[in-house]
Amino acid sequence: MPGRERGPLTEPMYYVLMSFLKREMCGIEITDFVERKTGGRVRLGPGTLYTLLAKFQDEEWIEETQVDGRKRTYRITDRGRAVFREELERLRACAADGEEEFR
């Protein structure tokens, strides 16, 4: 996409953003979602998860909605949904190109 300033999302980034599409979540819920969704293929350690959450907040892709002691809950923003949708379309195009060449 012309003018695009960021590169593709990493697999952990993609699944963390995906985790917010249907509801707000806290860290352990995100970790469980990603592990369940990927059948254990993608595992998030606390360092990776909280680094991504901080980055996503800085980029305004997610926002914090609740703090209860150390438990923090987040939700995706419209900007985050747009980033996810753009990445989903990029991945679909990559898969279509691969399928076409594989035939």
PDB file of N, CA and C in Angstrom:
ATOM      1  N   MET A   1       0.849  -1.180   0.000  1.00  0.00           N
ATOM      2  CA  MET A   1       0.000   0.000   0.000  1.00  0.00           C
ATOM      3  C   MET A   1       0.891   1.238   0.000  1.00  0.00           C
ATOM      4  N   PRO A   2       0.719   2.176  -0.932  1.00  0.00           N
ATOM      5  CA  PRO A   2       1.556   3.361  -0.991  1.00  0.00           C
ATOM      6  C   PRO A   2       1.465   4.169   0.296  1.00  0.00           C
ATOM      7  N   GLY A   3       2.621   4.674   0.746  1.00  0.00           N
ATOM      8  CA  GLY A   3       2.651   5.514   1.923  1.00  0.00           C
ATOM      9  C   GLY A   3       2.606   4.760   3.235  1.00  0.00           C
ATOM     10  N   ARG A   4       2.607   3.468   3.165  1.00  0.00           N
ATOM     11  CA  ARG A   4       2.547   2.656   4.372  1.00  0.00           C
ATOM     12  C   ARG A   4       3.855   2.792   5.139  1.00  0.00           C
ATOM     13  N   GLU A   5       3.767   3.163   6.413  1.00  0.00           N
ATOM     14  CA  GLU A   5       4.965   3.453   7.197  1.00  0.00           C
ATOM     15  C   GLU A   5       5.454   2.264   8.016  1.00  0.00           C
ATOM     16  N   ARG A   6       4.644   1.288   8.221  1.00  0.00           N
ATOM     17  CA  ARG A   6       5.071   0.150   9.032  1.00  0.00           C
ATOM     18  C   ARG A   6       5.122  -1.103   8.167  1.00  0.00           C
ATOM     19  N   GLY A   7       5.900  -2.053   8.631  1.00  0.00           N
ATOM     20  CA  GLY A   7       5.996  -3.312   7.916  1.00  0.00           C
ATOM     21  C   GLY A   7       4.877  -4.246   8.324  1.00  0.00           C
ATOM     22  N   PRO A   8       4.934  -5.483   7.839  1.00  0.00           N
ATOM     23  CA  PRO A   8       3.915  -6.470   8.213  1.00  0.00           C
ATOM     24  C   PRO A   8       3.980  -6.767   9.704  1.00  0.00           C
ATOM     25  N   LEU A   9       2.857  -7.217  10.239  1.00  0.00           N
ATOM     26  CA  LEU A   9       2.815  -7.623  11.645  1.00  0.00           C
ATOM     27  C   LEU A   9       3.512  -8.966  11.807  1.00  0.00           C
ATOM     28  N   THR A  10       4.175  -9.145  12.927  1.00  0.00           N
ATOM     29  CA  THR A  10       4.689 -10.469  13.253  1.00  0.00           C
ATOM     30  C   THR A  10       3.507 -11.354  13.627  1.00  0.00           C
ATOM     31  N   GLU A  11       3.743 -12.645  13.656  1.00  0.00           N
ATOM     32  CA  GLU A  11       2.655 -13.567  14.014  1.00  0.00           C
ATOM     33  C   GLU A  11       2.112 -13.284  15.421  1.00  0.00           C
ATOM     34  N   PRO A  12       2.972 -13.088  16.448  1.00  0.00           N
ATOM     35  CA  PRO A  12       2.426 -12.736  17.763  1.00  0.00           C
ATOM     36  C   PRO A  12       1.632 -11.431  17.735  1.00  0.00           C
ATOM     37  N   MET A  13       2.104 -10.427  17.016  1.00  0.00           N
ATOM     38  CA  MET A  13       1.372  -9.157  16.925  1.00  0.00           C
ATOM     39  C   MET A  13      -0.012  -9.379  16.324  1.00  0.00           C
ATOM     40  N   TYR A  14      -0.062 -10.156  15.257  1.00  0.00           N
ATOM     41  CA  TYR A  14      -1.318 -10.441  14.560  1.00  0.00           C
ATOM     42  C   TYR A  14      -2.331 -11.099  15.499  1.00  0.00           C
ATOM     43  N   TYR A  15      -1.881 -12.114  16.228  1.00  0.00           N
ATOM     44  CA  TYR A  15      -2.807 -12.835  17.102  1.00  0.00           C
ATOM     45  C   TYR A  15      -3.197 -12.037  18.337  1.00  0.00           C
ATOM     46  N   VAL A  16      -2.306 -11.209  18.844  1.00  0.00           N
ATOM     47  CA  VAL A  16      -2.684 -10.360  19.982  1.00  0.00           C
ATOM     48  C   VAL A  16      -3.758  -9.369  19.538  1.00  0.00           C
ATOM     49  N   LEU A  17      -3.583  -8.730  18.392  1.00  0.00           N
ATOM     50  CA  LEU A  17      -4.628  -7.825  17.903  1.00  0.00           C
ATOM     51  C   LEU A  17      -5.929  -8.584  17.662  1.00  0.00           C
ATOM     52  N   MET A  18      -5.832  -9.780  17.078  1.00  0.00           N
ATOM     53  CA  MET A  18      -7.020 -10.597  16.828  1.00  0.00           C
ATOM     54  C   MET A  18      -7.783 -10.875  18.119  1.00  0.00           C
ATOM     55  N   SER A  19      -7.065 -11.063  19.196  1.00  0.00           N
ATOM     56  CA  SER A  19      -7.709 -11.428  20.464  1.00  0.00           C
ATOM     57  C   SER A  19      -8.727 -10.391  20.925  1.00  0.00           C
ATOM     58  N   PHE A  20      -8.569  -9.140  20.493  1.00  0.00           N
ATOM     59  CA  PHE A  20      -9.473  -8.067  20.931  1.00  0.00           C
ATOM     60  C   PHE A  20     -10.675  -7.854  20.025  1.00  0.00           C
ATOM     61  N   LEU A  21     -10.776  -8.576  18.929  1.00  0.00           N
ATOM     62  CA  LEU A  21     -11.828  -8.285  17.956  1.00  0.00           C
ATOM     63  C   LEU A  21     -13.240  -8.478  18.512  1.00  0.00           C
ATOM     64  N   LYS A  22     -13.419  -9.404  19.428  1.00  0.00           N
ATOM     65  CA  LYS A  22     -14.777  -9.682  19.923  1.00  0.00           C
ATOM     66  C   LYS A  22     -15.047  -9.136  21.321  1.00  0.00           C
ATOM     67  N   ARG A  23     -13.958  -8.877  22.107  1.00  0.00           N
ATOM     68  CA  ARG A  23     -14.197  -8.365  23.465  1.00  0.00           C
ATOM     69  C   ARG A  23     -12.912  -7.827  24.071  1.00  0.00           C
ATOM     70  N   GLU A  24     -13.071  -7.127  25.166  1.00  0.00           N
ATOM     71  CA  GLU A  24     -11.936  -6.639  25.933  1.00  0.00           C
ATOM     72  C   GLU A  24     -11.265  -7.822  26.614  1.00  0.00           C
ATOM     73  N   MET A  25      -9.949  -7.713  26.851  1.00  0.00           N
ATOM     74  CA  MET A  25      -9.223  -8.802  27.496  1.00  0.00           C
ATOM     75  C   MET A  25      -8.094  -8.266  28.353  1.00  0.00           C
ATOM     76  N   CYS A  26      -7.709  -9.092  29.331  1.00  0.00           N
ATOM     77  CA  CYS A  26      -6.515  -8.829  30.140  1.00  0.00           C
ATOM     78  C   CYS A  26      -5.408  -9.770  29.651  1.00  0.00           C
ATOM     79  N   GLY A  27      -4.224  -9.618  30.212  1.00  0.00           N
ATOM     80  CA  GLY A  27      -3.054 -10.359  29.755  1.00  0.00           C
ATOM     81  C   GLY A  27      -3.220 -11.865  29.703  1.00  0.00           C
ATOM     82  N   ILE A  28      -3.696 -12.464  30.778  1.00  0.00           N
ATOM     83  CA  ILE A  28      -3.824 -13.932  30.809  1.00  0.00           C
ATOM     84  C   ILE A  28      -4.873 -14.404  29.807  1.00  0.00           C
ATOM     85  N   GLU A  29      -5.929 -13.616  29.609  1.00  0.00           N
ATOM     86  CA  GLU A  29      -6.946 -13.978  28.621  1.00  0.00           C
ATOM     87  C   GLU A  29      -6.370 -13.918  27.202  1.00  0.00           C
ATOM     88  N   ILE A  30      -5.524 -12.938  26.943  1.00  0.00           N
ATOM     89  CA  ILE A  30      -4.881 -12.810  25.634  1.00  0.00           C
ATOM     90  C   ILE A  30      -3.979 -14.016  25.394  1.00  0.00           C
ATOM     91  N   THR A  31      -3.147 -14.335  26.383  1.00  0.00           N
ATOM     92  CA  THR A  31      -2.231 -15.474  26.278  1.00  0.00           C
ATOM     93  C   THR A  31      -3.001 -16.759  26.002  1.00  0.00           C
ATOM     94  N   ASP A  32      -4.081 -16.991  26.748  1.00  0.00           N
ATOM     95  CA  ASP A  32      -4.906 -18.191  26.565  1.00  0.00           C
ATOM     96  C   ASP A  32      -5.544 -18.211  25.173  1.00  0.00           C
ATOM     97  N   PHE A  33      -6.059 -17.069  24.727  1.00  0.00           N
ATOM     98  CA  PHE A  33      -6.684 -16.984  23.408  1.00  0.00           C
ATOM     99  C   PHE A  33      -5.692 -17.367  22.317  1.00  0.00           C
ATOM    100  N   VAL A  34      -4.504 -16.763  22.365  1.00  0.00           N
ATOM    101  CA  VAL A  34      -3.505 -17.003  21.317  1.00  0.00           C
ATOM    102  C   VAL A  34      -3.074 -18.465  21.305  1.00  0.00           C
ATOM    103  N   GLU A  35      -2.836 -19.028  22.468  1.00  0.00           N
ATOM    104  CA  GLU A  35      -2.412 -20.429  22.524  1.00  0.00           C
ATOM    105  C   GLU A  35      -3.512 -21.353  22.002  1.00  0.00           C
ATOM    106  N   ARG A  36      -4.752 -21.083  22.399  1.00  0.00           N
ATOM    107  CA  ARG A  36      -5.885 -21.896  21.956  1.00  0.00           C
ATOM    108  C   ARG A  36      -6.120 -21.729  20.449  1.00  0.00           C
ATOM    109  N   LYS A  37      -6.100 -20.494  19.970  1.00  0.00           N
ATOM    110  CA  LYS A  37      -6.381 -20.210  18.554  1.00  0.00           C
ATOM    111  C   LYS A  37      -5.344 -20.847  17.630  1.00  0.00           C
ATOM    112  N   THR A  38      -4.089 -20.881  18.079  1.00  0.00           N
ATOM    113  CA  THR A  38      -3.010 -21.403  17.228  1.00  0.00           C
ATOM    114  C   THR A  38      -2.666 -22.848  17.544  1.00  0.00           C
ATOM    115  N   GLY A  39      -3.413 -23.473  18.426  1.00  0.00           N
ATOM    116  CA  GLY A  39      -3.116 -24.851  18.800  1.00  0.00           C
ATOM    117  C   GLY A  39      -1.743 -24.988  19.441  1.00  0.00           C
ATOM    118  N   GLY A  40      -1.292 -23.930  20.119  1.00  0.00           N
ATOM    119  CA  GLY A  40       0.001 -23.956  20.798  1.00  0.00           C
ATOM    120  C   GLY A  40       1.176 -23.573  19.917  1.00  0.00           C
ATOM    121  N   ARG A  41       0.928 -23.300  18.647  1.00  0.00           N
ATOM    122  CA  ARG A  41       1.996 -22.923  17.720  1.00  0.00           C
ATOM    123  C   ARG A  41       2.640 -21.594  18.116  1.00  0.00           C
ATOM    124  N   VAL A  42       1.808 -20.643  18.600  1.00  0.00           N
ATOM    125  CA  VAL A  42       2.309 -19.343  19.055  1.00  0.00           C
ATOM    126  C   VAL A  42       2.105 -19.279  20.563  1.00  0.00           C
ATOM    127  N   ARG A  43       3.207 -19.125  21.280  1.00  0.00           N
ATOM    128  CA  ARG A  43       3.151 -18.994  22.739  1.00  0.00           C
ATOM    129  C   ARG A  43       3.744 -17.655  23.118  1.00  0.00           C
ATOM    130  N   LEU A  44       3.027 -16.935  23.957  1.00  0.00           N
ATOM    131  CA  LEU A  44       3.464 -15.607  24.369  1.00  0.00           C
ATOM    132  C   LEU A  44       4.012 -15.644  25.787  1.00  0.00           C
ATOM    133  N   GLY A  45       5.272 -15.289  25.934  1.00  0.00           N
ATOM    134  CA  GLY A  45       5.820 -15.095  27.264  1.00  0.00           C
ATOM    135  C   GLY A  45       5.411 -13.718  27.755  1.00  0.00           C
ATOM    136  N   PRO A  46       5.513 -13.474  29.061  1.00  0.00           N
ATOM    137  CA  PRO A  46       5.113 -12.172  29.602  1.00  0.00           C
ATOM    138  C   PRO A  46       5.891 -11.007  28.991  1.00  0.00           C
ATOM    139  N   GLY A  47       7.187 -11.194  28.739  1.00  0.00           N
ATOM    140  CA  GLY A  47       7.981 -10.114  28.153  1.00  0.00           C
ATOM    141  C   GLY A  47       7.476  -9.719  26.787  1.00  0.00           C
ATOM    142  N   THR A  48       7.196 -10.716  25.958  1.00  0.00           N
ATOM    143  CA  THR A  48       6.681 -10.452  24.611  1.00  0.00           C
ATOM    144  C   THR A  48       5.311  -9.794  24.681  1.00  0.00           C
ATOM    145  N   LEU A  49       4.421 -10.367  25.484  1.00  0.00           N
ATOM    146  CA  LEU A  49       3.061  -9.842  25.565  1.00  0.00           C
ATOM    147  C   LEU A  49       3.046  -8.396  26.022  1.00  0.00           C
ATOM    148  N   TYR A  50       3.713  -8.100  27.120  1.00  0.00           N
ATOM    149  CA  TYR A  50       3.624  -6.749  27.668  1.00  0.00           C
ATOM    150  C   TYR A  50       4.402  -5.735  26.838  1.00  0.00           C
ATOM    151  N   THR A  51       5.432  -6.179  26.117  1.00  0.00           N
ATOM    152  CA  THR A  51       6.104  -5.295  25.161  1.00  0.00           C
ATOM    153  C   THR A  51       5.149  -4.938  24.026  1.00  0.00           C
ATOM    154  N   LEU A  52       4.416  -5.943  23.523  1.00  0.00           N
ATOM    155  CA  LEU A  52       3.447  -5.688  22.451  1.00  0.00           C
ATOM    156  C   LEU A  52       2.315  -4.788  22.929  1.00  0.00           C
ATOM    157  N   LEU A  53       1.792  -5.047  24.117  1.00  0.00           N
ATOM    158  CA  LEU A  53       0.697  -4.217  24.625  1.00  0.00           C
ATOM    159  C   LEU A  53       1.131  -2.762  24.761  1.00  0.00           C
ATOM    160  N   ALA A  54       2.354  -2.527  25.250  1.00  0.00           N
ATOM    161  CA  ALA A  54       2.864  -1.155  25.369  1.00  0.00           C
ATOM    162  C   ALA A  54       2.998  -0.519  23.991  1.00  0.00           C
ATOM    163  N   LYS A  55       3.521  -1.278  23.020  1.00  0.00           N
ATOM    164  CA  LYS A  55       3.669  -0.765  21.650  1.00  0.00           C
ATOM    165  C   LYS A  55       2.303  -0.435  21.057  1.00  0.00           C
ATOM    166  N   PHE A  56       1.355  -1.333  21.237  1.00  0.00           N
ATOM    167  CA  PHE A  56       0.020  -1.125  20.691  1.00  0.00           C
ATOM    168  C   PHE A  56      -0.644   0.104  21.307  1.00  0.00           C
ATOM    169  N   GLN A  57      -0.421   0.327  22.605  1.00  0.00           N
ATOM    170  CA  GLN A  57      -0.962   1.531  23.242  1.00  0.00           C
ATOM    171  C   GLN A  57      -0.287   2.777  22.665  1.00  0.00           C
ATOM    172  N   ASP A  58       1.026   2.735  22.493  1.00  0.00           N
ATOM    173  CA  ASP A  58       1.755   3.879  21.924  1.00  0.00           C
ATOM    174  C   ASP A  58       1.258   4.210  20.523  1.00  0.00           C
ATOM    175  N   GLU A  59       0.950   3.165  19.750  1.00  0.00           N
ATOM    176  CA  GLU A  59       0.467   3.342  18.371  1.00  0.00           C
ATOM    177  C   GLU A  59      -1.037   3.643  18.321  1.00  0.00           C
ATOM    178  N   GLU A  60      -1.693   3.599  19.490  1.00  0.00           N
ATOM    179  CA  GLU A  60      -3.146   3.814  19.612  1.00  0.00           C
ATOM    180  C   GLU A  60      -3.954   2.757  18.880  1.00  0.00           C
ATOM    181  N   TRP A  61      -3.444   1.516  18.910  1.00  0.00           N
ATOM    182  CA  TRP A  61      -4.168   0.382  18.348  1.00  0.00           C
ATOM    183  C   TRP A  61      -5.068  -0.255  19.404  1.00  0.00           C
ATOM    184  N   ILE A  62      -4.699  -0.085  20.677  1.00  0.00           N
ATOM    185  CA  ILE A  62      -5.518  -0.554  21.798  1.00  0.00           C
ATOM    186  C   ILE A  62      -5.541   0.548  22.851  1.00  0.00           C
ATOM    187  N   GLU A  63      -6.497   0.420  23.768  1.00  0.00           N
ATOM    188  CA  GLU A  63      -6.548   1.339  24.893  1.00  0.00           C
ATOM    189  C   GLU A  63      -6.903   0.571  26.154  1.00  0.00           C
ATOM    190  N   GLU A  64      -6.386   1.045  27.245  1.00  0.00           N
ATOM    191  CA  GLU A  64      -6.662   0.428  28.536  1.00  0.00           C
ATOM    192  C   GLU A  64      -8.058   0.845  28.971  1.00  0.00           C
ATOM    193  N   THR A  65      -8.837  -0.116  29.461  1.00  0.00           N
ATOM    194  CA  THR A  65     -10.216   0.190  29.860  1.00  0.00           C
ATOM    195  C   THR A  65     -10.447   0.021  31.355  1.00  0.00           C
ATOM    196  N   GLN A  66      -9.589  -0.778  32.011  1.00  0.00           N
ATOM    197  CA  GLN A  66      -9.806  -1.034  33.429  1.00  0.00           C
ATOM    198  C   GLN A  66      -8.496  -1.454  34.076  1.00  0.00           C
ATOM    199  N   VAL A  67      -8.302  -0.985  35.312  1.00  0.00           N
ATOM    200  CA  VAL A  67      -7.156  -1.406  36.109  1.00  0.00           C
ATOM    201  C   VAL A  67      -7.702  -1.874  37.446  1.00  0.00           C
ATOM    202  N   ASP A  68      -7.371  -3.112  37.808  1.00  0.00           N
ATOM    203  CA  ASP A  68      -7.793  -3.684  39.084  1.00  0.00           C
ATOM    204  C   ASP A  68      -6.554  -4.286  39.724  1.00  0.00           C
ATOM    205  N   GLY A  69      -5.848  -3.507  40.538  1.00  0.00           N
ATOM    206  CA  GLY A  69      -4.571  -3.950  41.082  1.00  0.00           C
ATOM    207  C   GLY A  69      -3.566  -4.028  39.949  1.00  0.00           C
ATOM    208  N   ARG A  70      -2.982  -5.209  39.754  1.00  0.00           N
ATOM    209  CA  ARG A  70      -2.030  -5.397  38.656  1.00  0.00           C
ATOM    210  C   ARG A  70      -2.716  -5.840  37.359  1.00  0.00           C
ATOM    211  N   LYS A  71      -3.980  -6.199  37.456  1.00  0.00           N
ATOM    212  CA  LYS A  71      -4.719  -6.656  36.273  1.00  0.00           C
ATOM    213  C   LYS A  71      -5.185  -5.447  35.457  1.00  0.00           C
ATOM    214  N   ARG A  72      -4.789  -5.449  34.175  1.00  0.00           N
ATOM    215  CA  ARG A  72      -5.180  -4.381  33.254  1.00  0.00           C
ATOM    216  C   ARG A  72      -5.952  -4.986  32.089  1.00  0.00           C
ATOM    217  N   THR A  73      -7.032  -4.325  31.731  1.00  0.00           N
ATOM    218  CA  THR A  73      -7.879  -4.800  30.641  1.00  0.00           C
ATOM    219  C   THR A  73      -7.793  -3.792  29.499  1.00  0.00           C
ATOM    220  N   TYR A  74      -7.790  -4.323  28.274  1.00  0.00           N
ATOM    221  CA  TYR A  74      -7.619  -3.496  27.079  1.00  0.00           C
ATOM    222  C   TYR A  74      -8.695  -3.808  26.055  1.00  0.00           C
ATOM    223  N   ARG A  75      -8.900  -2.845  25.139  1.00  0.00           N
ATOM    224  CA  ARG A  75      -9.780  -3.074  23.992  1.00  0.00           C
ATOM    225  C   ARG A  75      -9.123  -2.475  22.758  1.00  0.00           C
ATOM    226  N   ILE A  76      -9.533  -2.993  21.613  1.00  0.00           N
ATOM    227  CA  ILE A  76      -8.992  -2.516  20.340  1.00  0.00           C
ATOM    228  C   ILE A  76      -9.666  -1.198  19.970  1.00  0.00           C
ATOM    229  N   THR A  77      -8.925  -0.319  19.312  1.00  0.00           N
ATOM    230  CA  THR A  77      -9.467   0.951  18.832  1.00  0.00           C
ATOM    231  C   THR A  77      -9.834   0.805  17.357  1.00  0.00           C
ATOM    232  N   ASP A  78     -10.483   1.814  16.821  1.00  0.00           N
ATOM    233  CA  ASP A  78     -10.795   1.805  15.389  1.00  0.00           C
ATOM    234  C   ASP A  78      -9.507   1.742  14.575  1.00  0.00           C
ATOM    235  N   ARG A  79      -8.497   2.432  15.029  1.00  0.00           N
ATOM    236  CA  ARG A  79      -7.200   2.407  14.343  1.00  0.00           C
ATOM    237  C   ARG A  79      -6.610   0.990  14.363  1.00  0.00           C
ATOM    238  N   GLY A  80      -6.725   0.309  15.504  1.00  0.00           N
ATOM    239  CA  GLY A  80      -6.240  -1.058  15.625  1.00  0.00           C
ATOM    240  C   GLY A  80      -6.999  -2.009  14.714  1.00  0.00           C
ATOM    241  N   ARG A  81      -8.308  -1.818  14.624  1.00  0.00           N
ATOM    242  CA  ARG A  81      -9.117  -2.649  13.705  1.00  0.00           C
ATOM    243  C   ARG A  81      -8.678  -2.441  12.256  1.00  0.00           C
ATOM    244  N   ALA A  82      -8.379  -1.201  11.900  1.00  0.00           N
ATOM    245  CA  ALA A  82      -7.938  -0.909  10.535  1.00  0.00           C
ATOM    246  C   ALA A  82      -6.592  -1.577  10.250  1.00  0.00           C
ATOM    247  N   VAL A  83      -5.685  -1.543  11.219  1.00  0.00           N
ATOM    248  CA  VAL A  83      -4.382  -2.191  11.060  1.00  0.00           C
ATOM    249  C   VAL A  83      -4.572  -3.697  10.890  1.00  0.00           C
ATOM    250  N   PHE A  84      -5.435  -4.292  11.721  1.00  0.00           N
ATOM    251  CA  PHE A  84      -5.685  -5.729  11.623  1.00  0.00           C
ATOM    252  C   PHE A  84      -6.281  -6.074  10.257  1.00  0.00           C
ATOM    253  N   ARG A  85      -7.266  -5.301   9.835  1.00  0.00           N
ATOM    254  CA  ARG A  85      -7.934  -5.562   8.552  1.00  0.00           C
ATOM    255  C   ARG A  85      -6.935  -5.462   7.397  1.00  0.00           C
ATOM    256  N   GLU A  86      -6.061  -4.462   7.446  1.00  0.00           N
ATOM    257  CA  GLU A  86      -5.043  -4.295   6.406  1.00  0.00           C
ATOM    258  C   GLU A  86      -4.103  -5.501   6.370  1.00  0.00           C
ATOM    259  N   GLU A  87      -3.701  -5.973   7.544  1.00  0.00           N
ATOM    260  CA  GLU A  87      -2.806  -7.133   7.603  1.00  0.00           C
ATOM    261  C   GLU A  87      -3.520  -8.393   7.119  1.00  0.00           C
ATOM    262  N   LEU A  88      -4.777  -8.553   7.460  1.00  0.00           N
ATOM    263  CA  LEU A  88      -5.558  -9.694   7.001  1.00  0.00           C
ATOM    264  C   LEU A  88      -5.630  -9.707   5.471  1.00  0.00           C
ATOM    265  N   GLU A  89      -5.855  -8.561   4.868  1.00  0.00           N
ATOM    266  CA  GLU A  89      -5.897  -8.475   3.408  1.00  0.00           C
ATOM    267  C   GLU A  89      -4.533  -8.788   2.801  1.00  0.00           C
ATOM    268  N   ARG A  90      -3.455  -8.330   3.413  1.00  0.00           N
ATOM    269  CA  ARG A  90      -2.110  -8.626   2.925  1.00  0.00           C
ATOM    270  C   ARG A  90      -1.849 -10.123   2.959  1.00  0.00           C
ATOM    271  N   LEU A  91      -2.231 -10.764   4.064  1.00  0.00           N
ATOM    272  CA  LEU A  91      -2.031 -12.209   4.191  1.00  0.00           C
ATOM    273  C   LEU A  91      -2.880 -12.991   3.198  1.00  0.00           C
ATOM    274  N   ARG A  92      -4.104 -12.538   2.956  1.00  0.00           N
ATOM    275  CA  ARG A  92      -4.954 -13.193   1.951  1.00  0.00           C
ATOM    276  C   ARG A  92      -4.311 -13.111   0.569  1.00  0.00           C
ATOM    277  N   ALA A  93      -3.755 -11.944   0.231  1.00  0.00           N
ATOM    278  CA  ALA A  93      -3.101 -11.771  -1.066  1.00  0.00           C
ATOM    279  C   ALA A  93      -1.875 -12.675  -1.163  1.00  0.00           C
ATOM    280  N   CYS A  94      -1.101 -12.779  -0.087  1.00  0.00           N
ATOM    281  CA  CYS A  94       0.075 -13.662  -0.082  1.00  0.00           C
ATOM    282  C   CYS A  94      -0.346 -15.113  -0.292  1.00  0.00           C
ATOM    283  N   ALA A  95      -1.391 -15.535   0.428  1.00  0.00           N
ATOM    284  CA  ALA A  95      -1.861 -16.916   0.296  1.00  0.00           C
ATOM    285  C   ALA A  95      -2.380 -17.180  -1.113  1.00  0.00           C
ATOM    286  N   ALA A  96      -3.102 -16.233  -1.696  1.00  0.00           N
ATOM    287  CA  ALA A  96      -3.633 -16.400  -3.047  1.00  0.00           C
ATOM    288  C   ALA A  96      -2.487 -16.509  -4.056  1.00  0.00           C
ATOM    289  N   ASP A  97      -1.466 -15.684  -3.898  1.00  0.00           N
ATOM    290  CA  ASP A  97      -0.310 -15.766  -4.793  1.00  0.00           C
ATOM    291  C   ASP A  97       0.364 -17.133  -4.692  1.00  0.00           C
ATOM    292  N   GLY A  98       0.532 -17.605  -3.473  1.00  0.00           N
ATOM    293  CA  GLY A  98       1.153 -18.913  -3.267  1.00  0.00           C
ATOM    294  C   GLY A  98       0.326 -20.043  -3.845  1.00  0.00           C
ATOM    295  N   GLU A  99      -0.978 -20.001  -3.628  1.00  0.00           N
ATOM    296  CA  GLU A  99      -1.879 -21.035  -4.180  1.00  0.00           C
ATOM    297  C   GLU A  99      -1.809 -21.044  -5.700  1.00  0.00           C
ATOM    298  N   GLU A 100      -1.802 -19.868  -6.298  1.00  0.00           N
ATOM    299  CA  GLU A 100      -1.752 -19.765  -7.751  1.00  0.00           C
ATOM    300  C   GLU A 100      -0.464 -20.386  -8.305  1.00  0.00           C
ATOM    301  N   GLU A 101       0.643 -20.099  -7.670  1.00  0.00           N
ATOM    302  CA  GLU A 101       1.925 -20.638  -8.136  1.00  0.00           C
ATOM    303  C   GLU A 101       2.056 -22.130  -7.840  1.00  0.00           C
ATOM    304  N   PHE A 102       1.434 -22.605  -6.781  1.00  0.00           N
ATOM    305  CA  PHE A 102       1.532 -24.002  -6.379  1.00  0.00           C
ATOM    306  C   PHE A 102       0.789 -24.923  -7.345  1.00  0.00           C
ATOM    307  N   ARG A 103      -0.259 -24.412  -7.941  1.00  0.00           N
ATOM    308  CA  ARG A 103      -1.075 -25.231  -8.868  1.00  0.00           C
ATOM    309  C   ARG A 103      -0.347 -25.629 -10.078  1.00  0.00           C
TER     310      ARG A 103
END
